[in-house]
């Protein structure tokens, strides 16, 4: 085990990210000062760990999450999402389904691994490959069996 991985394990990085995700976007957390022009930023801090999520736009959007341990970047994830059928669904419907689905996944104590959630005529599916230290995946939302939203993501630990 490398020094970096040991440090991540000792500081409870995975569990911290889970709490941070649940207390920022998915949990309707408060925004903080934008770090880039026109960005939406959210931050969560516990002791020596700081999680920061920065994203742009609402319907077709892109962003990056980063975790710092003692001000050193130790984990990151980048993402791009798009409403693929704006004729069938609104950005607010997609946003509500994403938040509810992610919250349900976080309750299970994870943010990676196959997951699906259904509500009314919507179905959320997340699939990914890899482990916490290096992963990539896709989340898709279907409405009445038709894909209406897709997001791609990738990330992992930094040394």
Foldseek 3Di string as FASTA:
>chain_A
DDPLVVVCVVVVVQLVVLVFVCQDLLVVHDFDDAPDPQWTKDWDDDPQKIKIWIKHDQAWIWIKIFMGGNNHTWKMKIKTKHFQCCVVDPSVVVSVVVSVQSNVVSVVVHDADWDWDDDDQKIKTKHKDDDQAWIKIKIFMDGNNHTGMMMIMIMHTDD
